[in-house]
N, C-alpha and C. Protein backbone atom coordinates (compact mmCIF):
# COMPACT_ATOMS: atom_id res chain seq x y z
N MET A 1 18.77 -19.11 -5.04
CA MET A 1 17.59 -19.11 -4.92
C MET A 1 16.49 -17.53 -4.89
N LYS A 2 17.72 -16.25 -4.56
CA LYS A 2 17.69 -15.32 -4.79
C LYS A 2 17.26 -14.47 -6.08
N ASN A 3 18.60 -15.21 -6.52
CA ASN A 3 18.32 -14.53 -8.62
C ASN A 3 16.72 -14.99 -8.59
N ALA A 4 16.85 -16.17 -8.39
CA ALA A 4 15.93 -17.11 -9.22
C ALA A 4 14.48 -16.32 -8.74
N ILE A 5 13.84 -15.97 -7.62
CA ILE A 5 13.27 -15.00 -7.30
C ILE A 5 12.78 -13.77 -8.08
N LEU A 6 14.21 -12.88 -7.70
CA LEU A 6 14.22 -11.63 -8.61
C LEU A 6 13.54 -11.82 -10.20
N ILE A 7 14.13 -12.59 -10.80
CA ILE A 7 13.82 -13.45 -12.27
C ILE A 7 12.58 -13.03 -12.09
N PHE A 8 12.23 -13.77 -11.41
CA PHE A 8 10.86 -14.58 -11.52
C PHE A 8 9.67 -12.92 -11.16
N ILE A 9 10.00 -12.14 -10.41
CA ILE A 9 9.64 -11.23 -9.92
C ILE A 9 9.59 -10.15 -11.62
N VAL A 10 10.61 -10.25 -12.32
CA VAL A 10 10.79 -9.26 -13.53
C VAL A 10 10.14 -9.76 -14.26
N VAL A 11 9.71 -11.30 -14.50
CA VAL A 11 8.83 -11.76 -15.32
C VAL A 11 7.69 -11.43 -15.48
N CYS A 12 7.02 -11.14 -14.06
CA CYS A 12 5.71 -11.22 -13.48
C CYS A 12 5.24 -9.75 -14.17
N LEU A 13 6.27 -9.00 -13.27
CA LEU A 13 5.92 -7.36 -13.48
C LEU A 13 5.85 -6.92 -14.84
N SER A 14 6.58 -7.57 -16.16
CA SER A 14 6.71 -7.04 -17.53
C SER A 14 5.36 -7.60 -18.12
N ILE A 15 4.95 -9.09 -17.83
CA ILE A 15 3.57 -9.54 -17.76
C ILE A 15 2.26 -9.25 -17.50
N ASN A 16 2.75 -8.66 -15.85
CA ASN A 16 1.17 -7.96 -15.51
C ASN A 16 1.37 -6.12 -15.86
N GLN A 17 1.96 -5.52 -16.36
CA GLN A 17 2.38 -4.17 -17.11
C GLN A 17 1.28 -4.20 -17.95
N SER A 18 0.97 -5.06 -18.86
CA SER A 18 -0.13 -4.51 -19.60
C SER A 18 -1.56 -4.98 -19.17
N ILE A 19 -1.81 -5.55 -18.27
CA ILE A 19 -2.97 -6.42 -18.31
C ILE A 19 -3.22 -5.38 -16.72
N PHE A 20 -2.64 -4.92 -15.82
CA PHE A 20 -3.09 -4.30 -15.06
C PHE A 20 -3.06 -2.59 -15.58
N ALA A 21 -2.48 -2.30 -16.41
CA ALA A 21 -2.43 -1.11 -17.31
C ALA A 21 -4.27 -0.50 -17.16
N GLN A 22 -4.68 -2.22 -18.03
CA GLN A 22 -6.20 -1.76 -18.35
C GLN A 22 -6.89 -1.98 -17.87
N ASP A 23 -6.54 -1.86 -16.46
CA ASP A 23 -7.87 -2.64 -14.79
C ASP A 23 -7.97 -0.96 -14.18
N LYS A 24 -8.66 -0.03 -15.00
CA LYS A 24 -9.25 0.94 -14.29
C LYS A 24 -10.36 1.02 -13.26
N GLY A 25 -10.73 2.17 -12.50
CA GLY A 25 -11.54 2.15 -12.10
C GLY A 25 -11.80 2.27 -10.77
N ILE A 26 -13.33 2.15 -10.11
CA ILE A 26 -12.84 2.54 -8.30
C ILE A 26 -13.24 1.00 -7.70
N GLY A 27 -12.30 0.92 -6.99
CA GLY A 27 -11.86 -0.47 -6.21
C GLY A 27 -12.93 -0.33 -5.04
N THR A 28 -13.43 -1.64 -4.40
CA THR A 28 -14.22 -1.42 -3.27
C THR A 28 -13.48 -2.05 -1.96
N LYS A 29 -14.12 -1.79 -0.92
CA LYS A 29 -13.58 -2.53 0.64
C LYS A 29 -13.65 -3.52 0.71
N ASP A 30 -13.77 -4.56 -0.28
CA ASP A 30 -13.32 -6.10 -0.02
C ASP A 30 -12.44 -6.33 -0.93
N GLU A 31 -11.91 -5.98 -1.99
CA GLU A 31 -10.89 -5.79 -2.43
C GLU A 31 -9.52 -5.17 -1.84
N ALA A 32 -9.97 -4.11 -1.27
CA ALA A 32 -8.23 -3.43 -0.17
C ALA A 32 -8.52 -4.28 1.02
N ARG A 33 -9.37 -5.26 1.24
CA ARG A 33 -8.76 -5.88 2.66
C ARG A 33 -8.23 -7.23 1.70
N GLU A 34 -8.83 -7.74 0.99
CA GLU A 34 -8.01 -8.83 0.07
C GLU A 34 -6.57 -7.83 -0.43
N ILE A 35 -6.64 -6.93 -0.58
CA ILE A 35 -4.89 -6.44 -1.08
C ILE A 35 -3.91 -6.71 0.14
N LEU A 36 -4.45 -6.26 1.30
CA LEU A 36 -4.30 -5.99 2.49
C LEU A 36 -3.18 -7.71 2.81
N ASP A 37 -4.87 -8.32 2.54
CA ASP A 37 -4.32 -9.57 3.31
C ASP A 37 -3.16 -10.21 2.46
N ARG A 38 -3.02 -10.16 1.05
CA ARG A 38 -1.97 -10.62 0.24
C ARG A 38 -0.80 -9.94 0.85
N THR A 39 -0.55 -8.87 0.47
CA THR A 39 0.61 -7.94 1.16
C THR A 39 1.01 -8.91 2.56
N VAL A 40 0.14 -9.10 3.01
CA VAL A 40 0.63 -9.44 4.92
C VAL A 40 1.65 -11.17 4.47
N ASN A 41 0.57 -11.62 3.85
CA ASN A 41 0.83 -13.23 3.38
C ASN A 41 2.63 -12.63 2.41
N LEU A 42 2.60 -11.67 2.05
CA LEU A 42 3.92 -11.97 0.84
C LEU A 42 4.71 -11.26 2.22
N MET A 43 4.88 -10.49 2.84
CA MET A 43 5.66 -9.89 4.03
C MET A 43 6.18 -10.70 4.98
N LYS A 44 4.57 -11.69 5.08
CA LYS A 44 5.74 -13.27 5.40
C LYS A 44 6.97 -13.63 5.06
N SER A 45 6.29 -14.15 3.90
CA SER A 45 7.54 -15.05 3.13
C SER A 45 8.59 -14.03 2.70
N ASN A 46 8.62 -12.55 2.19
CA ASN A 46 9.59 -11.98 1.51
C ASN A 46 9.81 -10.74 1.09
N LYS A 47 9.83 -9.78 2.57
CA LYS A 47 10.05 -8.47 2.96
C LYS A 47 10.39 -8.18 1.47
N THR A 48 11.74 -8.28 1.33
CA THR A 48 12.36 -7.47 0.11
C THR A 48 11.09 -7.40 -1.37
N VAL A 49 10.83 -8.55 -1.26
CA VAL A 49 9.82 -8.79 -2.44
C VAL A 49 8.62 -7.91 -2.36
N ALA A 50 8.13 -8.34 -1.51
CA ALA A 50 6.75 -7.58 -1.05
C ALA A 50 7.31 -6.30 -1.43
N PHE A 51 8.58 -5.59 -1.18
CA PHE A 51 8.72 -3.92 -0.94
C PHE A 51 8.94 -3.83 -2.45
N ALA A 52 9.10 -4.25 -3.36
CA ALA A 52 9.16 -4.41 -5.03
C ALA A 52 8.35 -4.76 -5.52
N MET A 53 7.26 -5.50 -4.59
CA MET A 53 6.04 -4.91 -5.33
C MET A 53 5.11 -4.33 -5.30
N ILE A 54 5.20 -3.59 -4.17
CA ILE A 54 4.21 -2.38 -3.70
C ILE A 54 4.46 -1.64 -4.27
N THR A 55 6.11 -0.95 -4.74
CA THR A 55 6.70 0.32 -4.89
C THR A 55 6.38 -0.04 -6.50
N ALA A 56 6.24 -0.46 -7.58
CA ALA A 56 6.19 -1.09 -8.25
C ALA A 56 4.92 -0.89 -8.89
N GLY A 57 3.88 -0.29 -8.16
CA GLY A 57 2.04 0.07 -8.86
C GLY A 57 1.78 -1.44 -9.06
N GLY A 58 0.84 -0.77 -10.39
CA GLY A 58 -0.03 -2.49 -11.15
C GLY A 58 0.40 -3.06 -11.83
N ARG A 59 1.86 -2.64 -11.97
CA ARG A 59 2.87 -3.44 -12.39
C ARG A 59 3.49 -4.92 -11.45
N GLY A 60 2.86 -4.58 -9.99
CA GLY A 60 3.59 -5.23 -8.99
C GLY A 60 2.78 -6.47 -8.83
N GLY A 61 1.82 -6.08 -9.53
CA GLY A 61 0.35 -7.15 -8.92
C GLY A 61 -0.40 -7.38 -8.18
N LEU A 62 -0.02 -5.64 -7.25
CA LEU A 62 -0.36 -6.19 -5.62
C LEU A 62 -1.81 -4.70 -5.82
N ALA A 63 -1.21 -4.09 -6.91
CA ALA A 63 -2.54 -3.25 -7.00
C ALA A 63 -3.44 -2.95 -8.20
N ILE A 64 -4.85 -2.30 -7.80
CA ILE A 64 -5.65 -3.08 -8.87
C ILE A 64 -6.90 -1.84 -8.26
N LYS A 65 -6.99 -1.42 -10.06
CA LYS A 65 -7.94 -0.26 -9.57
C LYS A 65 -7.28 0.99 -9.19
N ASP A 66 -7.93 1.68 -8.38
CA ASP A 66 -7.89 3.04 -7.23
C ASP A 66 -7.40 2.60 -6.43
N LEU A 67 -6.57 0.91 -5.99
CA LEU A 67 -6.02 0.90 -4.22
C LEU A 67 -4.62 0.05 -4.96
N TYR A 68 -4.52 -0.01 -3.50
CA TYR A 68 -3.05 -0.23 -3.58
C TYR A 68 -2.52 -0.09 -1.86
N PRO A 69 -1.14 -1.23 -1.90
CA PRO A 69 -0.58 -1.18 -0.38
C PRO A 69 0.18 -0.58 -0.22
N PHE A 70 0.83 -0.27 1.27
CA PHE A 70 1.67 0.43 1.64
C PHE A 70 2.41 -0.03 2.82
N CYS A 71 3.77 0.47 3.09
CA CYS A 71 3.90 -0.08 4.30
C CYS A 71 4.87 0.71 4.76
N THR A 72 5.00 0.99 6.12
CA THR A 72 5.74 1.66 7.20
C THR A 72 6.94 1.14 8.14
N SER A 73 7.85 1.39 8.45
CA SER A 73 8.35 0.72 9.29
C SER A 73 8.00 1.64 11.06
N PHE A 74 8.16 0.71 11.85
CA PHE A 74 7.21 1.58 13.13
C PHE A 74 8.65 2.64 13.65
N SER A 75 9.52 2.66 13.00
CA SER A 75 10.34 4.10 13.20
C SER A 75 9.79 5.65 12.29
N GLY A 76 9.15 4.76 11.64
CA GLY A 76 8.12 5.79 11.03
C GLY A 76 8.54 6.07 9.99
N ILE A 77 9.77 5.32 8.97
CA ILE A 77 10.02 5.64 7.34
C ILE A 77 9.14 4.78 6.41
N GLN A 78 8.41 5.92 5.60
CA GLN A 78 7.63 4.64 4.58
C GLN A 78 8.58 3.58 3.90
N VAL A 79 8.32 2.60 3.83
CA VAL A 79 9.33 2.20 3.20
C VAL A 79 9.03 1.61 1.58
N ALA A 80 7.63 1.42 1.46
CA ALA A 80 7.12 1.00 0.25
C ALA A 80 5.63 1.66 -0.28
N HIS A 81 5.72 2.08 -1.08
CA HIS A 81 4.28 3.64 -1.57
C HIS A 81 4.87 3.38 -3.45
N PRO A 82 4.10 2.85 -4.01
CA PRO A 82 3.74 2.85 -5.95
C PRO A 82 3.48 4.34 -5.91
N TYR A 83 3.32 5.45 -5.42
CA TYR A 83 3.13 6.99 -5.79
C TYR A 83 4.12 7.60 -5.19
N GLY A 84 5.38 7.34 -5.02
CA GLY A 84 6.54 8.34 -4.96
C GLY A 84 6.28 8.87 -2.98
N GLY A 85 6.25 7.72 -2.26
CA GLY A 85 5.67 7.98 -1.19
C GLY A 85 7.12 7.39 -0.34
N ALA A 86 8.07 6.26 -1.13
CA ALA A 86 8.79 5.45 0.32
C ALA A 86 9.49 6.26 0.13
N GLY A 87 10.30 6.72 1.74
CA GLY A 87 11.13 7.36 2.11
C GLY A 87 10.99 8.29 2.98
N LEU A 88 9.52 8.89 3.10
CA LEU A 88 8.92 9.93 3.62
C LEU A 88 8.59 9.24 5.42
N ASP A 89 9.16 10.02 5.82
CA ASP A 89 9.10 10.21 7.34
C ASP A 89 7.05 10.45 7.61
N MET A 90 7.17 9.69 7.99
CA MET A 90 5.72 9.83 8.54
C MET A 90 5.11 9.98 9.88
N ARG A 91 6.12 10.30 10.60
CA ARG A 91 5.62 11.32 11.71
C ARG A 91 5.37 12.16 11.29
N GLU A 92 6.15 13.41 10.53
CA GLU A 92 5.66 14.56 9.87
C GLU A 92 4.46 14.65 9.51
N PHE A 93 3.87 13.77 8.98
CA PHE A 93 2.46 13.69 7.93
C PHE A 93 1.35 13.93 8.44
N THR A 94 0.57 15.07 8.65
CA THR A 94 -0.87 15.00 8.97
C THR A 94 -1.67 15.31 8.18
N SER A 95 -2.57 14.54 7.92
CA SER A 95 -3.70 14.79 7.00
C SER A 95 -4.55 15.98 6.78
N SER A 96 -5.27 16.25 5.87
CA SER A 96 -5.69 17.56 5.63
C SER A 96 -6.89 17.74 6.45
N ASP A 97 -7.40 16.60 7.44
CA ASP A 97 -8.75 17.02 7.90
C ASP A 97 -8.02 16.62 9.17
N GLY A 98 -6.56 16.67 9.61
CA GLY A 98 -5.91 16.68 11.12
C GLY A 98 -5.28 15.68 11.40
N LYS A 99 -5.67 14.43 10.79
CA LYS A 99 -4.81 13.00 11.55
C LYS A 99 -3.43 12.95 11.28
N LYS A 100 -3.08 12.60 12.10
CA LYS A 100 -1.45 11.87 12.55
C LYS A 100 -1.32 10.77 11.89
N LEU A 101 -1.72 10.19 11.29
CA LEU A 101 -1.93 8.95 10.50
C LEU A 101 -0.81 8.13 10.90
N TYR A 102 0.18 8.43 11.16
CA TYR A 102 1.54 7.17 11.98
C TYR A 102 1.30 7.09 13.33
N ASP A 103 0.81 7.90 14.31
CA ASP A 103 0.63 8.49 15.80
C ASP A 103 -0.45 6.99 15.81
N ILE A 104 -1.53 7.16 14.88
CA ILE A 104 -2.72 6.46 15.48
C ILE A 104 -2.38 5.46 14.51
N MET A 105 -2.04 4.97 13.90
CA MET A 105 -1.55 3.44 13.41
C MET A 105 -0.92 2.70 13.92
N VAL A 106 0.16 3.51 14.91
CA VAL A 106 1.42 2.83 15.70
C VAL A 106 0.98 2.56 16.84
N LYS A 107 -0.19 3.30 17.63
CA LYS A 107 -0.37 3.02 18.65
C LYS A 107 -1.48 2.01 18.49
N ASN A 108 -2.15 1.92 17.28
CA ASN A 108 -3.29 0.49 16.77
C ASN A 108 -3.06 -0.83 16.56
N ALA A 109 -1.71 -0.59 15.79
CA ALA A 109 -1.27 -1.65 14.91
C ALA A 109 -1.16 -2.74 16.05
N LYS A 110 -1.92 -4.09 15.71
CA LYS A 110 -1.39 -5.34 16.41
C LYS A 110 -1.25 -6.29 15.05
N GLU A 111 -0.33 -7.35 15.58
CA GLU A 111 0.11 -8.63 14.77
C GLU A 111 -1.30 -9.23 15.07
N GLY A 112 -1.36 -9.55 13.45
CA GLY A 112 -2.97 -10.59 12.99
C GLY A 112 -4.38 -9.74 13.29
N VAL A 113 -4.46 -8.76 13.83
CA VAL A 113 -5.35 -7.67 13.55
C VAL A 113 -5.72 -7.09 13.16
N ILE A 114 -6.88 -6.05 12.05
CA ILE A 114 -6.82 -5.54 11.06
C ILE A 114 -6.95 -4.44 11.61
N SER A 115 -7.29 -3.05 11.85
CA SER A 115 -7.49 -1.91 12.16
C SER A 115 -8.09 -0.96 11.21
N LYS A 116 -9.32 -0.04 10.99
CA LYS A 116 -8.95 0.87 10.21
C LYS A 116 -9.03 2.19 10.63
N ILE A 117 -8.78 3.31 9.56
CA ILE A 117 -8.82 4.38 9.60
C ILE A 117 -9.51 4.90 8.50
N SER A 118 -10.35 6.25 8.36
CA SER A 118 -10.61 7.07 7.24
C SER A 118 -9.67 8.29 7.59
N TYR A 119 -8.91 9.12 6.55
CA TYR A 119 -8.79 10.09 6.23
C TYR A 119 -8.76 10.89 4.40
N MET A 120 -8.35 12.30 4.50
CA MET A 120 -8.62 12.89 3.61
C MET A 120 -6.82 12.47 2.69
N PHE A 121 -7.53 12.06 1.45
CA PHE A 121 -5.86 11.69 0.86
C PHE A 121 -6.15 11.54 -1.11
N GLY A 122 -4.89 11.85 -1.85
CA GLY A 122 -5.02 11.90 -3.29
C GLY A 122 -5.51 10.78 -3.73
N LYS A 123 -6.11 10.79 -4.97
CA LYS A 123 -6.25 9.67 -5.47
C LYS A 123 -5.51 9.06 -6.72
N PRO A 124 -5.01 7.67 -6.98
CA PRO A 124 -4.14 7.34 -8.16
C PRO A 124 -4.70 7.93 -9.38
N GLU A 125 -3.95 8.11 -10.29
CA GLU A 125 -4.53 8.91 -11.33
C GLU A 125 -3.36 9.05 -12.01
N GLY A 126 -3.48 8.94 -13.18
CA GLY A 126 -1.98 8.91 -14.42
C GLY A 126 -0.95 8.92 -13.59
N GLY A 127 -0.78 8.26 -12.83
CA GLY A 127 1.01 7.55 -12.48
C GLY A 127 1.04 8.13 -10.98
N ALA A 128 0.14 9.08 -10.75
CA ALA A 128 0.39 9.76 -9.55
C ALA A 128 -0.76 10.29 -8.60
N LEU A 129 -0.88 11.19 -7.20
CA LEU A 129 -2.18 10.96 -6.59
C LEU A 129 -2.65 12.17 -6.98
N THR A 130 -3.55 12.97 -7.15
CA THR A 130 -4.01 13.81 -7.31
C THR A 130 -4.25 14.74 -6.33
N ILE A 131 -4.24 15.89 -6.71
CA ILE A 131 -4.55 17.14 -5.56
C ILE A 131 -5.22 17.19 -4.87
N LYS A 132 -6.48 17.17 -5.37
CA LYS A 132 -7.85 16.78 -5.18
C LYS A 132 -7.80 16.06 -3.59
N GLU A 133 -8.52 16.15 -2.88
CA GLU A 133 -8.41 14.55 -2.02
C GLU A 133 -9.67 14.75 -1.82
N TYR A 134 -9.42 12.97 -1.42
CA TYR A 134 -10.85 12.13 -1.46
C TYR A 134 -11.17 11.55 0.18
N THR A 135 -12.03 11.12 0.72
CA THR A 135 -12.35 10.40 1.73
C THR A 135 -11.64 8.70 1.34
N LYS A 136 -10.93 8.67 1.97
CA LYS A 136 -9.84 7.14 1.96
C LYS A 136 -10.52 5.99 3.43
N VAL A 137 -10.82 5.25 3.28
CA VAL A 137 -10.56 4.57 4.16
C VAL A 137 -9.04 2.97 4.46
N ALA A 138 -8.44 3.28 5.31
CA ALA A 138 -7.96 2.31 5.06
C ALA A 138 -7.76 1.16 6.14
N PHE A 139 -7.63 -0.32 6.10
CA PHE A 139 -7.00 -1.25 6.53
C PHE A 139 -5.54 -1.60 6.65
N TYR A 140 -5.17 -1.29 7.83
CA TYR A 140 -3.92 -1.75 8.20
C TYR A 140 -3.68 -2.92 9.76
N THR A 141 -2.35 -3.24 9.67
CA THR A 141 -1.61 -4.51 10.20
C THR A 141 -0.45 -3.89 10.84
N ARG A 142 -0.24 -4.91 11.85
CA ARG A 142 1.30 -4.86 12.05
C ARG A 142 1.47 -6.25 11.51
N VAL A 143 3.38 -5.99 11.11
CA VAL A 143 3.49 -7.37 10.16
C VAL A 143 5.12 -6.58 10.40
N GLY A 144 5.29 -7.59 11.78
CA GLY A 144 6.74 -7.16 12.56
C GLY A 144 6.94 -6.16 12.67
N ASN A 145 8.24 -5.58 12.36
CA ASN A 145 8.52 -4.29 12.56
C ASN A 145 7.90 -3.04 11.34
N TYR A 146 6.81 -3.31 11.10
CA TYR A 146 6.28 -2.49 9.98
C TYR A 146 4.68 -2.49 10.20
N ILE A 147 4.52 -1.46 9.54
CA ILE A 147 2.30 -1.04 9.14
C ILE A 147 2.78 -1.24 8.11
N CYS A 148 1.68 -2.06 7.53
CA CYS A 148 0.97 -2.53 6.14
C CYS A 148 -0.33 -1.62 6.19
N GLY A 149 -0.68 -1.33 5.10
CA GLY A 149 -2.32 -0.80 4.57
C GLY A 149 -2.51 -0.98 3.47
N SER A 150 -3.71 -1.14 2.94
CA SER A 150 -4.64 -0.94 1.66
C SER A 150 -5.97 -0.18 2.09
N GLY A 151 -6.07 0.94 1.45
CA GLY A 151 -7.23 1.28 1.52
C GLY A 151 -8.22 1.35 0.38
N TYR A 152 -9.56 2.12 0.25
CA TYR A 152 -10.91 2.10 -0.62
C TYR A 152 -10.89 4.11 -0.44
N TYR A 153 -11.63 4.39 -1.71
CA TYR A 153 -12.19 5.81 -1.49
C TYR A 153 -13.56 5.45 -1.31
N THR A 154 -14.27 6.69 -0.27
CA THR A 154 -15.29 6.49 -0.49
C THR A 154 -16.15 7.50 -1.36
N ASN A 155 -15.71 8.56 -1.72
CA ASN A 155 -16.36 9.62 -2.75
C ASN A 155 -15.58 9.60 -3.87
């Protein structure tokens, strides 16, 4: 069964690569929330598949426009991020506007409750995050031993 699921994911990633490569633009608050809802449902179903789809970015089917999901363990390690953030220790990360995102999120993340935080962060562009930072608002929640989120840019 696991092999069938992995084959299905590979096929979906191949198909989605061309579709989502064309889907550029600015995502909305509602789209960011929808991405989080889809991510939470997938995490509850199969977290390994969820992590793979998140890390695959637009090819994974969860990221659209400039929106993408991310997941961090409660121990502080980011386990899934489409722009090279997987494996980072988020306990040490402070946004340029002085927010310790992990500390805030771990304190407020509750299973079944969507919380929100705003902070400065780069935008996806050309397969990486820009050096220039923008105001980002992220929705996040606890899913088991993880904090998952998705955000949108306000400027």
